[in-house]
């Protein structure tokens, strides 16, 4: 049984300061409403094999996969941050990454990093 989520907020309801976030939210809404296979180029036979493989994975293997994907997404984000801010230190790059996940108040309290002044 596939999990279907219903989104009650329209993409236009979000007032996003980040360029491109609206299209990302629209894509997330589409997946939530119609499933991840809406625009898939994966054949049904291959998709069935993948689903069976995921069902057979242990919880530890699934967790390892999630951790690996999270680390990969952080590395991609850091690469973008380094490209946009080449003169900053590694610490500043990591603070910019962290500021994408924490609220401004949390960044100020923990690290003295003000996203309103320094950005993401």
PDB file of N, CA and C in Angstrom:
ATOM      1  N   UNK A   1       0.845  -1.173   0.000  1.00  0.00           N
ATOM      2  CA  UNK A   1       0.000   0.000   0.000  1.00  0.00           C
ATOM      3  C   UNK A   1       0.894   1.241   0.000  1.00  0.00           C
ATOM      4  N   UNK A   2       0.657   2.124  -0.917  1.00  0.00           N
ATOM      5  CA  UNK A   2       1.457   3.350  -1.021  1.00  0.00           C
ATOM      6  C   UNK A   2       0.888   4.422  -0.103  1.00  0.00           C
ATOM      7  N   UNK A   3       1.767   5.153   0.510  1.00  0.00           N
ATOM      8  CA  UNK A   3       1.372   6.251   1.381  1.00  0.00           C
ATOM      9  C   UNK A   3       1.100   7.476   0.529  1.00  0.00           C
ATOM     10  N   UNK A   4      -0.062   8.047   0.664  1.00  0.00           N
ATOM     11  CA  UNK A   4      -0.413   9.255  -0.072  1.00  0.00           C
ATOM     12  C   UNK A   4      -0.650  10.383   0.922  1.00  0.00           C
ATOM     13  N   UNK A   5      -0.001  11.490   0.695  1.00  0.00           N
ATOM     14  CA  UNK A   5      -0.156  12.659   1.546  1.00  0.00           C
ATOM     15  C   UNK A   5      -0.954  13.707   0.793  1.00  0.00           C
ATOM     16  N   UNK A   6      -1.700  14.493   1.502  1.00  0.00           N
ATOM     17  CA  UNK A   6      -2.454  15.549   0.850  1.00  0.00           C
ATOM     18  C   UNK A   6      -1.924  16.888   1.333  1.00  0.00           C
ATOM     19  N   UNK A   7      -1.595  17.735   0.416  1.00  0.00           N
ATOM     20  CA  UNK A   7      -1.090  19.064   0.731  1.00  0.00           C
ATOM     21  C   UNK A   7      -2.244  20.048   0.660  1.00  0.00           C
ATOM     22  N   UNK A   8      -2.477  20.773   1.740  1.00  0.00           N
ATOM     23  CA  UNK A   8      -3.578  21.722   1.750  1.00  0.00           C
ATOM     24  C   UNK A   8      -3.131  23.135   1.443  1.00  0.00           C
ATOM     25  N   UNK A   9      -1.835  23.386   1.459  1.00  0.00           N
ATOM     26  CA  UNK A   9      -1.316  24.711   1.164  1.00  0.00           C
ATOM     27  C   UNK A   9      -0.870  24.789  -0.279  1.00  0.00           C
ATOM     28  N   UNK A  10      -1.242  25.851  -0.960  1.00  0.00           N
ATOM     29  CA  UNK A  10      -0.787  26.056  -2.327  1.00  0.00           C
ATOM     30  C   UNK A  10       0.638  26.578  -2.301  1.00  0.00           C
ATOM     31  N   UNK A  11       1.382  26.308  -3.362  1.00  0.00           N
ATOM     32  CA  UNK A  11       2.756  26.785  -3.456  1.00  0.00           C
ATOM     33  C   UNK A  11       2.811  28.292  -3.300  1.00  0.00           C
ATOM     34  N   UNK A  12       1.824  29.001  -3.832  1.00  0.00           N
ATOM     35  CA  UNK A  12       1.831  30.457  -3.756  1.00  0.00           C
ATOM     36  C   UNK A  12       1.620  30.965  -2.329  1.00  0.00           C
ATOM     37  N   UNK A  13       1.195  30.083  -1.414  1.00  0.00           N
ATOM     38  CA  UNK A  13       1.005  30.486  -0.025  1.00  0.00           C
ATOM     39  C   UNK A  13       2.334  30.678   0.694  1.00  0.00           C
ATOM     40  N   UNK A  14       3.424  30.163   0.131  1.00  0.00           N
ATOM     41  CA  UNK A  14       4.732  30.263   0.754  1.00  0.00           C
ATOM     42  C   UNK A  14       5.420  31.529   0.270  1.00  0.00           C
ATOM     43  N   UNK A  15       5.924  32.312   1.190  1.00  0.00           N
ATOM     44  CA  UNK A  15       6.656  33.519   0.839  1.00  0.00           C
ATOM     45  C   UNK A  15       8.127  33.210   1.020  1.00  0.00           C
ATOM     46  N   UNK A  16       8.750  32.707  -0.030  1.00  0.00           N
ATOM     47  CA  UNK A  16      10.098  32.182   0.065  1.00  0.00           C
ATOM     48  C   UNK A  16      11.149  33.204  -0.333  1.00  0.00           C
ATOM     49  N   UNK A  17      12.187  33.386   0.517  1.00  0.00           N
ATOM     50  CA  UNK A  17      13.281  34.256   0.131  1.00  0.00           C
ATOM     51  C   UNK A  17      14.311  33.558  -0.753  1.00  0.00           C
ATOM     52  N   UNK A  18      14.193  32.242  -0.898  1.00  0.00           N
ATOM     53  CA  UNK A  18      15.185  31.470  -1.632  1.00  0.00           C
ATOM     54  C   UNK A  18      14.704  31.252  -3.057  1.00  0.00           C
ATOM     55  N   UNK A  19      15.517  31.659  -4.025  1.00  0.00           N
ATOM     56  CA  UNK A  19      15.159  31.496  -5.429  1.00  0.00           C
ATOM     57  C   UNK A  19      15.016  30.020  -5.752  1.00  0.00           C
ATOM     58  N   UNK A  20      13.971  29.691  -6.477  1.00  0.00           N
ATOM     59  CA  UNK A  20      13.752  28.314  -6.896  1.00  0.00           C
ATOM     60  C   UNK A  20      13.010  27.466  -5.887  1.00  0.00           C
ATOM     61  N   UNK A  21      12.797  27.983  -4.687  1.00  0.00           N
ATOM     62  CA  UNK A  21      12.140  27.177  -3.667  1.00  0.00           C
ATOM     63  C   UNK A  21      10.686  26.920  -4.022  1.00  0.00           C
ATOM     64  N   UNK A  22      10.043  27.864  -4.692  1.00  0.00           N
ATOM     65  CA  UNK A  22       8.642  27.658  -5.065  1.00  0.00           C
ATOM     66  C   UNK A  22       8.488  26.456  -5.982  1.00  0.00           C
ATOM     67  N   UNK A  23       9.382  26.306  -6.969  1.00  0.00           N
ATOM     68  CA  UNK A  23       9.281  25.160  -7.864  1.00  0.00           C
ATOM     69  C   UNK A  23       9.570  23.866  -7.116  1.00  0.00           C
ATOM     70  N   UNK A  24      10.478  23.916  -6.148  1.00  0.00           N
ATOM     71  CA  UNK A  24      10.762  22.738  -5.335  1.00  0.00           C
ATOM     72  C   UNK A  24       9.540  22.349  -4.520  1.00  0.00           C
ATOM     73  N   UNK A  25       8.874  23.332  -3.938  1.00  0.00           N
ATOM     74  CA  UNK A  25       7.662  23.044  -3.165  1.00  0.00           C
ATOM     75  C   UNK A  25       6.568  22.488  -4.062  1.00  0.00           C
ATOM     76  N   UNK A  26       6.466  23.003  -5.271  1.00  0.00           N
ATOM     77  CA  UNK A  26       5.467  22.486  -6.205  1.00  0.00           C
ATOM     78  C   UNK A  26       5.762  21.031  -6.547  1.00  0.00           C
ATOM     79  N   UNK A  27       7.046  20.709  -6.762  1.00  0.00           N
ATOM     80  CA  UNK A  27       7.426  19.325  -7.060  1.00  0.00           C
ATOM     81  C   UNK A  27       7.131  18.423  -5.873  1.00  0.00           C
ATOM     82  N   UNK A  28       7.414  18.911  -4.665  1.00  0.00           N
ATOM     83  CA  UNK A  28       7.135  18.114  -3.466  1.00  0.00           C
ATOM     84  C   UNK A  28       5.641  17.873  -3.324  1.00  0.00           C
ATOM     85  N   UNK A  29       4.843  18.890  -3.628  1.00  0.00           N
ATOM     86  CA  UNK A  29       3.391  18.747  -3.542  1.00  0.00           C
ATOM     87  C   UNK A  29       2.909  17.711  -4.546  1.00  0.00           C
ATOM     88  N   UNK A  30       3.458  17.729  -5.753  1.00  0.00           N
ATOM     89  CA  UNK A  30       3.074  16.760  -6.776  1.00  0.00           C
ATOM     90  C   UNK A  30       3.388  15.346  -6.322  1.00  0.00           C
ATOM     91  N   UNK A  31       4.575  15.148  -5.768  1.00  0.00           N
ATOM     92  CA  UNK A  31       4.956  13.823  -5.277  1.00  0.00           C
ATOM     93  C   UNK A  31       4.044  13.402  -4.141  1.00  0.00           C
ATOM     94  N   UNK A  32       3.753  14.321  -3.227  1.00  0.00           N
ATOM     95  CA  UNK A  32       2.903  13.993  -2.077  1.00  0.00           C
ATOM     96  C   UNK A  32       1.494  13.612  -2.522  1.00  0.00           C
ATOM     97  N   UNK A  33       1.000  14.278  -3.542  1.00  0.00           N
ATOM     98  CA  UNK A  33      -0.379  14.029  -3.973  1.00  0.00           C
ATOM     99  C   UNK A  33      -0.487  12.842  -4.938  1.00  0.00           C
ATOM    100  N   UNK A  34       0.538  12.619  -5.753  1.00  0.00           N
ATOM    101  CA  UNK A  34       0.417  11.628  -6.820  1.00  0.00           C
ATOM    102  C   UNK A  34       1.412  10.492  -6.736  1.00  0.00           C
ATOM    103  N   UNK A  35       2.329  10.550  -5.804  1.00  0.00           N
ATOM    104  CA  UNK A  35       3.327   9.503  -5.672  1.00  0.00           C
ATOM    105  C   UNK A  35       4.610   9.863  -6.392  1.00  0.00           C
ATOM    106  N   UNK A  36       5.679   9.226  -5.985  1.00  0.00           N
ATOM    107  CA  UNK A  36       6.998   9.551  -6.516  1.00  0.00           C
ATOM    108  C   UNK A  36       7.179   9.115  -7.957  1.00  0.00           C
ATOM    109  N   UNK A  37       6.337   8.228  -8.459  1.00  0.00           N
ATOM    110  CA  UNK A  37       6.519   7.694  -9.804  1.00  0.00           C
ATOM    111  C   UNK A  37       5.812   8.519 -10.881  1.00  0.00           C
ATOM    112  N   UNK A  38       5.310   9.679 -10.556  1.00  0.00           N
ATOM    113  CA  UNK A  38       4.553  10.477 -11.509  1.00  0.00           C
ATOM    114  C   UNK A  38       5.328  10.736 -12.789  1.00  0.00           C
ATOM    115  N   UNK A  39       6.581  11.139 -12.684  1.00  0.00           N
ATOM    116  CA  UNK A  39       7.378  11.465 -13.860  1.00  0.00           C
ATOM    117  C   UNK A  39       8.586  10.538 -13.962  1.00  0.00           C
ATOM    118  N   UNK A  40       8.433   9.318 -13.517  1.00  0.00           N
ATOM    119  CA  UNK A  40       9.556   8.390 -13.454  1.00  0.00           C
ATOM    120  C   UNK A  40       9.885   7.822 -14.825  1.00  0.00           C
ATOM    121  N   UNK A  41      11.177   7.659 -15.078  1.00  0.00           N
ATOM    122  CA  UNK A  41      11.600   6.987 -16.300  1.00  0.00           C
ATOM    123  C   UNK A  41      11.951   5.530 -16.016  1.00  0.00           C
ATOM    124  N   UNK A  42      11.590   5.051 -14.834  1.00  0.00           N
ATOM    125  CA  UNK A  42      11.847   3.672 -14.432  1.00  0.00           C
ATOM    126  C   UNK A  42      10.672   2.800 -14.848  1.00  0.00           C
ATOM    127  N   UNK A  43      10.980   1.691 -15.506  1.00  0.00           N
ATOM    128  CA  UNK A  43       9.908   0.801 -15.957  1.00  0.00           C
ATOM    129  C   UNK A  43       9.211   0.167 -14.759  1.00  0.00           C
ATOM    130  N   UNK A  44       7.964  -0.230 -14.910  1.00  0.00           N
ATOM    131  CA  UNK A  44       7.245  -0.873 -13.807  1.00  0.00           C
ATOM    132  C   UNK A  44       7.942  -2.136 -13.302  1.00  0.00           C
ATOM    133  N   UNK A  45       8.560  -2.903 -14.197  1.00  0.00           N
ATOM    134  CA  UNK A  45       9.244  -4.129 -13.774  1.00  0.00           C
ATOM    135  C   UNK A  45      10.448  -3.803 -12.890  1.00  0.00           C
ATOM    136  N   UNK A  46      11.228  -2.814 -13.289  1.00  0.00           N
ATOM    137  CA  UNK A  46      12.388  -2.413 -12.495  1.00  0.00           C
ATOM    138  C   UNK A  46      11.931  -1.801 -11.184  1.00  0.00           C
ATOM    139  N   UNK A  47      10.874  -0.994 -11.245  1.00  0.00           N
ATOM    140  CA  UNK A  47      10.341  -0.378 -10.014  1.00  0.00           C
ATOM    141  C   UNK A  47       9.905  -1.461  -9.032  1.00  0.00           C
ATOM    142  N   UNK A  48       9.266  -2.518  -9.524  1.00  0.00           N
ATOM    143  CA  UNK A  48       8.828  -3.618  -8.654  1.00  0.00           C
ATOM    144  C   UNK A  48      10.027  -4.310  -8.011  1.00  0.00           C
ATOM    145  N   UNK A  49      11.110  -4.501  -8.790  1.00  0.00           N
ATOM    146  CA  UNK A  49      12.316  -5.105  -8.231  1.00  0.00           C
ATOM    147  C   UNK A  49      12.938  -4.212  -7.165  1.00  0.00           C
ATOM    148  N   UNK A  50      12.959  -2.907  -7.425  1.00  0.00           N
ATOM    149  CA  UNK A  50      13.495  -1.961  -6.440  1.00  0.00           C
ATOM    150  C   UNK A  50      12.668  -1.981  -5.161  1.00  0.00           C
ATOM    151  N   UNK A  51      11.348  -1.953  -5.309  1.00  0.00           N
ATOM    152  CA  UNK A  51      10.469  -1.985  -4.140  1.00  0.00           C
ATOM    153  C   UNK A  51      10.693  -3.252  -3.325  1.00  0.00           C
ATOM    154  N   UNK A  52      10.831  -4.400  -4.019  1.00  0.00           N
ATOM    155  CA  UNK A  52      11.081  -5.664  -3.321  1.00  0.00           C
ATOM    156  C   UNK A  52      12.414  -5.602  -2.573  1.00  0.00           C
ATOM    157  N   UNK A  53      13.427  -5.040  -3.209  1.00  0.00           N
ATOM    158  CA  UNK A  53      14.742  -4.902  -2.569  1.00  0.00           C
ATOM    159  C   UNK A  53      14.638  -4.053  -1.302  1.00  0.00           C
ATOM    160  N   UNK A  54      13.911  -2.928  -1.391  1.00  0.00           N
ATOM    161  CA  UNK A  54      13.762  -2.062  -0.217  1.00  0.00           C
ATOM    162  C   UNK A  54      12.999  -2.777   0.896  1.00  0.00           C
ATOM    163  N   UNK A  55      12.005  -3.577   0.542  1.00  0.00           N
ATOM    164  CA  UNK A  55      11.270  -4.332   1.566  1.00  0.00           C
ATOM    165  C   UNK A  55      12.165  -5.351   2.261  1.00  0.00           C
ATOM    166  N   UNK A  56      13.130  -5.903   1.526  1.00  0.00           N
ATOM    167  CA  UNK A  56      14.019  -6.921   2.092  1.00  0.00           C
ATOM    168  C   UNK A  56      15.189  -6.330   2.874  1.00  0.00           C
ATOM    169  N   UNK A  57      15.425  -5.036   2.747  1.00  0.00           N
ATOM    170  CA  UNK A  57      16.543  -4.413   3.468  1.00  0.00           C
ATOM    171  C   UNK A  57      16.259  -4.386   4.967  1.00  0.00           C
ATOM    172  N   UNK A  58      17.303  -4.561   5.751  1.00  0.00           N
ATOM    173  CA  UNK A  58      17.147  -4.466   7.200  1.00  0.00           C
ATOM    174  C   UNK A  58      16.983  -2.987   7.579  1.00  0.00           C
ATOM    175  N   UNK A  59      16.418  -2.721   8.745  1.00  0.00           N
ATOM    176  CA  UNK A  59      16.317  -1.328   9.188  1.00  0.00           C
ATOM    177  C   UNK A  59      17.684  -0.635   9.242  1.00  0.00           C
ATOM    178  N   UNK A  60      18.709  -1.370   9.641  1.00  0.00           N
ATOM    179  CA  UNK A  60      20.051  -0.793   9.698  1.00  0.00           C
ATOM    180  C   UNK A  60      20.550  -0.409   8.302  1.00  0.00           C
ATOM    181  N   UNK A  61      20.284  -1.270   7.305  1.00  0.00           N
ATOM    182  CA  UNK A  61      20.674  -0.957   5.928  1.00  0.00           C
ATOM    183  C   UNK A  61      19.911   0.267   5.408  1.00  0.00           C
ATOM    184  N   UNK A  62      18.638   0.354   5.742  1.00  0.00           N
ATOM    185  CA  UNK A  62      17.842   1.515   5.327  1.00  0.00           C
ATOM    186  C   UNK A  62      18.380   2.793   5.964  1.00  0.00           C
ATOM    187  N   UNK A  63      18.722   2.711   7.239  1.00  0.00           N
ATOM    188  CA  UNK A  63      19.275   3.869   7.930  1.00  0.00           C
ATOM    189  C   UNK A  63      20.614   4.276   7.310  1.00  0.00           C
ATOM    190  N   UNK A  64      21.443   3.303   6.993  1.00  0.00           N
ATOM    191  CA  UNK A  64      22.726   3.603   6.352  1.00  0.00           C
ATOM    192  C   UNK A  64      22.507   4.295   5.013  1.00  0.00           C
ATOM    193  N   UNK A  65      21.504   3.878   4.272  1.00  0.00           N
ATOM    194  CA  UNK A  65      21.193   4.503   2.977  1.00  0.00           C
ATOM    195  C   UNK A  65      20.755   5.950   3.184  1.00  0.00           C
ATOM    196  N   UNK A  66      19.906   6.193   4.177  1.00  0.00           N
ATOM    197  CA  UNK A  66      19.446   7.554   4.470  1.00  0.00           C
ATOM    198  C   UNK A  66      20.623   8.442   4.869  1.00  0.00           C
ATOM    199  N   UNK A  67      21.489   7.926   5.723  1.00  0.00           N
ATOM    200  CA  UNK A  67      22.659   8.699   6.164  1.00  0.00           C
ATOM    201  C   UNK A  67      23.561   9.030   4.975  1.00  0.00           C
ATOM    202  N   UNK A  68      23.793   8.062   4.105  1.00  0.00           N
ATOM    203  CA  UNK A  68      24.643   8.292   2.935  1.00  0.00           C
ATOM    204  C   UNK A  68      24.036   9.352   2.010  1.00  0.00           C
ATOM    205  N   UNK A  69      22.735   9.289   1.793  1.00  0.00           N
ATOM    206  CA  UNK A  69      22.078  10.289   0.939  1.00  0.00           C
ATOM    207  C   UNK A  69      22.110  11.674   1.573  1.00  0.00           C
ATOM    208  N   UNK A  70      21.935  11.731   2.885  1.00  0.00           N
ATOM    209  CA  UNK A  70      21.999  13.014   3.587  1.00  0.00           C
ATOM    210  C   UNK A  70      23.393  13.614   3.472  1.00  0.00           C
ATOM    211  N   UNK A  71      24.413  12.787   3.693  1.00  0.00           N
ATOM    212  CA  UNK A  71      25.784  13.276   3.573  1.00  0.00           C
ATOM    213  C   UNK A  71      26.081  13.745   2.148  1.00  0.00           C
ATOM    214  N   UNK A  72      25.574  13.034   1.169  1.00  0.00           N
ATOM    215  CA  UNK A  72      25.787  13.429  -0.226  1.00  0.00           C
ATOM    216  C   UNK A  72      25.114  14.766  -0.522  1.00  0.00           C
ATOM    217  N   UNK A  73      23.909  14.962  -0.003  1.00  0.00           N
ATOM    218  CA  UNK A  73      23.222  16.237  -0.240  1.00  0.00           C
ATOM    219  C   UNK A  73      23.949  17.383   0.455  1.00  0.00           C
ATOM    220  N   UNK A  74      24.519  17.123   1.638  1.00  0.00           N
ATOM    221  CA  UNK A  74      25.303  18.155   2.327  1.00  0.00           C
ATOM    222  C   UNK A  74      26.554  18.505   1.528  1.00  0.00           C
ATOM    223  N   UNK A  75      27.208  17.507   0.967  1.00  0.00           N
ATOM    224  CA  UNK A  75      28.402  17.761   0.162  1.00  0.00           C
ATOM    225  C   UNK A  75      28.072  18.580  -1.090  1.00  0.00           C
ATOM    226  N   UNK A  76      26.941  18.282  -1.719  1.00  0.00           N
ATOM    227  CA  UNK A  76      26.520  19.077  -2.881  1.00  0.00           C
ATOM    228  C   UNK A  76      26.235  20.517  -2.481  1.00  0.00           C
ATOM    229  N   UNK A  77      25.552  20.687  -1.340  1.00  0.00           N
ATOM    230  CA  UNK A  77      25.262  22.039  -0.863  1.00  0.00           C
ATOM    231  C   UNK A  77      26.551  22.774  -0.523  1.00  0.00           C
ATOM    232  N   UNK A  78      27.487  22.085   0.127  1.00  0.00           N
ATOM    233  CA  UNK A  78      28.771  22.716   0.456  1.00  0.00           C
ATOM    234  C   UNK A  78      29.546  23.108  -0.799  1.00  0.00           C
ATOM    235  N   UNK A  79      29.466  22.304  -1.833  1.00  0.00           N
ATOM    236  CA  UNK A  79      30.140  22.647  -3.090  1.00  0.00           C
ATOM    237  C   UNK A  79      29.569  23.945  -3.663  1.00  0.00           C
ATOM    238  N   UNK A  80      28.270  24.093  -3.594  1.00  0.00           N
ATOM    239  CA  UNK A  80      27.636  25.331  -4.066  1.00  0.00           C
ATOM    240  C   UNK A  80      28.053  26.514  -3.203  1.00  0.00           C
ATOM    241  N   UNK A  81      28.056  26.310  -1.893  1.00  0.00           N
ATOM    242  CA  UNK A  81      28.449  27.377  -0.970  1.00  0.00           C
ATOM    243  C   UNK A  81      29.900  27.786  -1.231  1.00  0.00           C
ATOM    244  N   UNK A  82      30.777  26.825  -1.420  1.00  0.00           N
ATOM    245  CA  UNK A  82      32.190  27.134  -1.695  1.00  0.00           C
ATOM    246  C   UNK A  82      32.349  27.894  -3.009  1.00  0.00           C
ATOM    247  N   UNK A  83      31.531  27.543  -4.001  1.00  0.00           N
ATOM    248  CA  UNK A  83      31.593  28.236  -5.285  1.00  0.00           C
ATOM    249  C   UNK A  83      31.111  29.675  -5.152  1.00  0.00           C
ATOM    250  N   UNK A  84      30.074  29.884  -4.348  1.00  0.00           N
ATOM    251  CA  UNK A  84      29.514  31.226  -4.177  1.00  0.00           C
ATOM    252  C   UNK A  84      30.348  32.106  -3.246  1.00  0.00           C
ATOM    253  N   UNK A  85      31.073  31.485  -2.313  1.00  0.00           N
ATOM    254  CA  UNK A  85      31.857  32.221  -1.309  1.00  0.00           C
ATOM    255  C   UNK A  85      33.271  31.655  -1.239  1.00  0.00           C
ATOM    256  N   UNK A  86      34.052  31.811  -2.305  1.00  0.00           N
ATOM    257  CA  UNK A  86      35.363  31.150  -2.376  1.00  0.00           C
ATOM    258  C   UNK A  86      36.400  31.672  -1.383  1.00  0.00           C
ATOM    259  N   UNK A  87      36.233  32.880  -0.869  1.00  0.00           N
ATOM    260  CA  UNK A  87      37.250  33.439   0.028  1.00  0.00           C
ATOM    261  C   UNK A  87      36.984  33.140   1.496  1.00  0.00           C
ATOM    262  N   UNK A  88      35.843  32.549   1.789  1.00  0.00           N
ATOM    263  CA  UNK A  88      35.515  32.271   3.189  1.00  0.00           C
ATOM    264  C   UNK A  88      36.195  30.994   3.681  1.00  0.00           C
ATOM    265  N   UNK A  89      36.270  30.881   5.000  1.00  0.00           N
ATOM    266  CA  UNK A  89      36.899  29.718   5.621  1.00  0.00           C
ATOM    267  C   UNK A  89      35.958  28.516   5.589  1.00  0.00           C
ATOM    268  N   UNK A  90      36.524  27.344   5.870  1.00  0.00           N
ATOM    269  CA  UNK A  90      35.724  26.123   5.960  1.00  0.00           C
ATOM    270  C   UNK A  90      34.656  26.251   7.046  1.00  0.00           C
ATOM    271  N   UNK A  91      35.008  26.900   8.146  1.00  0.00           N
ATOM    272  CA  UNK A  91      34.034  27.116   9.229  1.00  0.00           C
ATOM    273  C   UNK A  91      32.849  27.940   8.738  1.00  0.00           C
ATOM    274  N   UNK A  92      33.136  29.007   7.997  1.00  0.00           N
ATOM    275  CA  UNK A  92      32.053  29.837   7.474  1.00  0.00           C
ATOM    276  C   UNK A  92      31.197  29.067   6.468  1.00  0.00           C
ATOM    277  N   UNK A  93      31.825  28.234   5.673  1.00  0.00           N
ATOM    278  CA  UNK A  93      31.055  27.403   4.738  1.00  0.00           C
ATOM    279  C   UNK A  93      30.105  26.488   5.497  1.00  0.00           C
ATOM    280  N   UNK A  94      30.615  25.870   6.556  1.00  0.00           N
ATOM    281  CA  UNK A  94      29.775  24.954   7.333  1.00  0.00           C
ATOM    282  C   UNK A  94      28.665  25.707   8.073  1.00  0.00           C
ATOM    283  N   UNK A  95      28.958  26.924   8.531  1.00  0.00           N
ATOM    284  CA  UNK A  95      27.908  27.720   9.168  1.00  0.00           C
ATOM    285  C   UNK A  95      26.821  28.093   8.161  1.00  0.00           C
ATOM    286  N   UNK A  96      27.206  28.390   6.944  1.00  0.00           N
ATOM    287  CA  UNK A  96      26.214  28.673   5.908  1.00  0.00           C
ATOM    288  C   UNK A  96      25.339  27.442   5.646  1.00  0.00           C
ATOM    289  N   UNK A  97      25.960  26.264   5.633  1.00  0.00           N
ATOM    290  CA  UNK A  97      25.192  25.034   5.460  1.00  0.00           C
ATOM    291  C   UNK A  97      24.229  24.844   6.630  1.00  0.00           C
ATOM    292  N   UNK A  98      24.729  24.985   7.829  1.00  0.00           N
ATOM    293  CA  UNK A  98      23.907  24.812   9.021  1.00  0.00           C
ATOM    294  C   UNK A  98      22.757  25.818   9.066  1.00  0.00           C
ATOM    295  N   UNK A  99      23.021  27.028   8.574  1.00  0.00           N
ATOM    296  CA  UNK A  99      21.969  28.058   8.615  1.00  0.00           C
ATOM    297  C   UNK A  99      20.796  27.724   7.707  1.00  0.00           C
ATOM    298  N   UNK A 100      20.967  26.756   6.833  1.00  0.00           N
ATOM    299  CA  UNK A 100      19.858  26.306   5.987  1.00  0.00           C
ATOM    300  C   UNK A 100      18.903  25.398   6.749  1.00  0.00           C
ATOM    301  N   UNK A 101      19.346  24.907   7.908  1.00  0.00           N
ATOM    302  CA  UNK A 101      18.546  23.969   8.695  1.00  0.00           C
ATOM    303  C   UNK A 101      18.047  24.545  10.019  1.00  0.00           C
ATOM    304  N   UNK A 102      18.742  25.557  10.533  1.00  0.00           N
ATOM    305  CA  UNK A 102      18.370  26.134  11.824  1.00  0.00           C
ATOM    306  C   UNK A 102      17.760  27.518  11.637  1.00  0.00           C
ATOM    307  N   UNK A 103      16.920  27.903  12.572  1.00  0.00           N
ATOM    308  CA  UNK A 103      16.307  29.229  12.552  1.00  0.00           C
ATOM    309  C   UNK A 103      17.360  30.294  12.851  1.00  0.00           C
ATOM    310  N   UNK A 104      17.090  31.495  12.404  1.00  0.00           N
ATOM    311  CA  UNK A 104      18.015  32.611  12.617  1.00  0.00           C
ATOM    312  C   UNK A 104      18.359  32.772  14.092  1.00  0.00           C
ATOM    313  N   UNK A 105      17.360  32.675  14.955  1.00  0.00           N
ATOM    314  CA  UNK A 105      17.574  32.842  16.390  1.00  0.00           C
ATOM    315  C   UNK A 105      18.510  31.766  16.937  1.00  0.00           C
ATOM    316  N   UNK A 106      18.371  30.543  16.447  1.00  0.00           N
ATOM    317  CA  UNK A 106      19.241  29.461  16.900  1.00  0.00           C
ATOM    318  C   UNK A 106      20.677  29.687  16.433  1.00  0.00           C
ATOM    319  N   UNK A 107      20.836  30.151  15.191  1.00  0.00           N
ATOM    320  CA  UNK A 107      22.178  30.424  14.669  1.00  0.00           C
ATOM    321  C   UNK A 107      22.846  31.548  15.455  1.00  0.00           C
ATOM    322  N   UNK A 108      22.073  32.572  15.808  1.00  0.00           N
ATOM    323  CA  UNK A 108      22.617  33.685  16.597  1.00  0.00           C
ATOM    324  C   UNK A 108      23.044  33.205  17.976  1.00  0.00           C
ATOM    325  N   UNK A 109      22.172  32.441  18.636  1.00  0.00           N
ATOM    326  CA  UNK A 109      22.457  31.996  20.003  1.00  0.00           C
ATOM    327  C   UNK A 109      23.646  31.038  20.056  1.00  0.00           C
ATOM    328  N   UNK A 110      23.718  30.121  19.123  1.00  0.00           N
ATOM    329  CA  UNK A 110      24.750  29.087  19.173  1.00  0.00           C
ATOM    330  C   UNK A 110      26.081  29.522  18.570  1.00  0.00           C
ATOM    331  N   UNK A 111      26.031  30.315  17.490  1.00  0.00           N
ATOM    332  CA  UNK A 111      27.257  30.590  16.741  1.00  0.00           C
ATOM    333  C   UNK A 111      27.514  32.074  16.480  1.00  0.00           C
ATOM    334  N   UNK A 112      26.559  32.933  16.856  1.00  0.00           N
ATOM    335  CA  UNK A 112      26.707  34.350  16.564  1.00  0.00           C
ATOM    336  C   UNK A 112      26.594  34.655  15.076  1.00  0.00           C
ATOM    337  N   UNK A 113      25.959  33.788  14.325  1.00  0.00           N
ATOM    338  CA  UNK A 113      25.811  33.925  12.867  1.00  0.00           C
ATOM    339  C   UNK A 113      24.425  34.486  12.571  1.00  0.00           C
ATOM    340  N   UNK A 114      24.395  35.675  12.020  1.00  0.00           N
ATOM    341  CA  UNK A 114      23.126  36.329  11.699  1.00  0.00           C
ATOM    342  C   UNK A 114      22.850  36.180  10.211  1.00  0.00           C
ATOM    343  N   UNK A 115      21.891  35.346   9.881  1.00  0.00           N
ATOM    344  CA  UNK A 115      21.578  35.110   8.474  1.00  0.00           C
ATOM    345  C   UNK A 115      21.022  36.361   7.784  1.00  0.00           C
ATOM    346  N   UNK A 116      20.453  37.264   8.562  1.00  0.00           N
ATOM    347  CA  UNK A 116      19.955  38.500   7.970  1.00  0.00           C
ATOM    348  C   UNK A 116      21.116  39.376   7.467  1.00  0.00           C
ATOM    349  N   UNK A 117      22.278  39.269   8.119  1.00  0.00           N
ATOM    350  CA  UNK A 117      23.445  40.034   7.710  1.00  0.00           C
ATOM    351  C   UNK A 117      24.388  39.238   6.809  1.00  0.00           C
ATOM    352  N   UNK A 118      24.606  37.981   7.159  1.00  0.00           N
ATOM    353  CA  UNK A 118      25.596  37.165   6.452  1.00  0.00           C
ATOM    354  C   UNK A 118      25.007  36.311   5.337  1.00  0.00           C
ATOM    355  N   UNK A 119      23.730  36.051   5.403  1.00  0.00           N
ATOM    356  CA  UNK A 119      23.091  35.188   4.393  1.00  0.00           C
ATOM    357  C   UNK A 119      23.234  33.726   4.732  1.00  0.00           C
ATOM    358  N   UNK A 120      22.850  32.910   3.788  1.00  0.00           N
ATOM    359  CA  UNK A 120      22.847  31.456   3.973  1.00  0.00           C
ATOM    360  C   UNK A 120      24.085  30.860   3.351  1.00  0.00           C
TER     361      UNK A 120
END
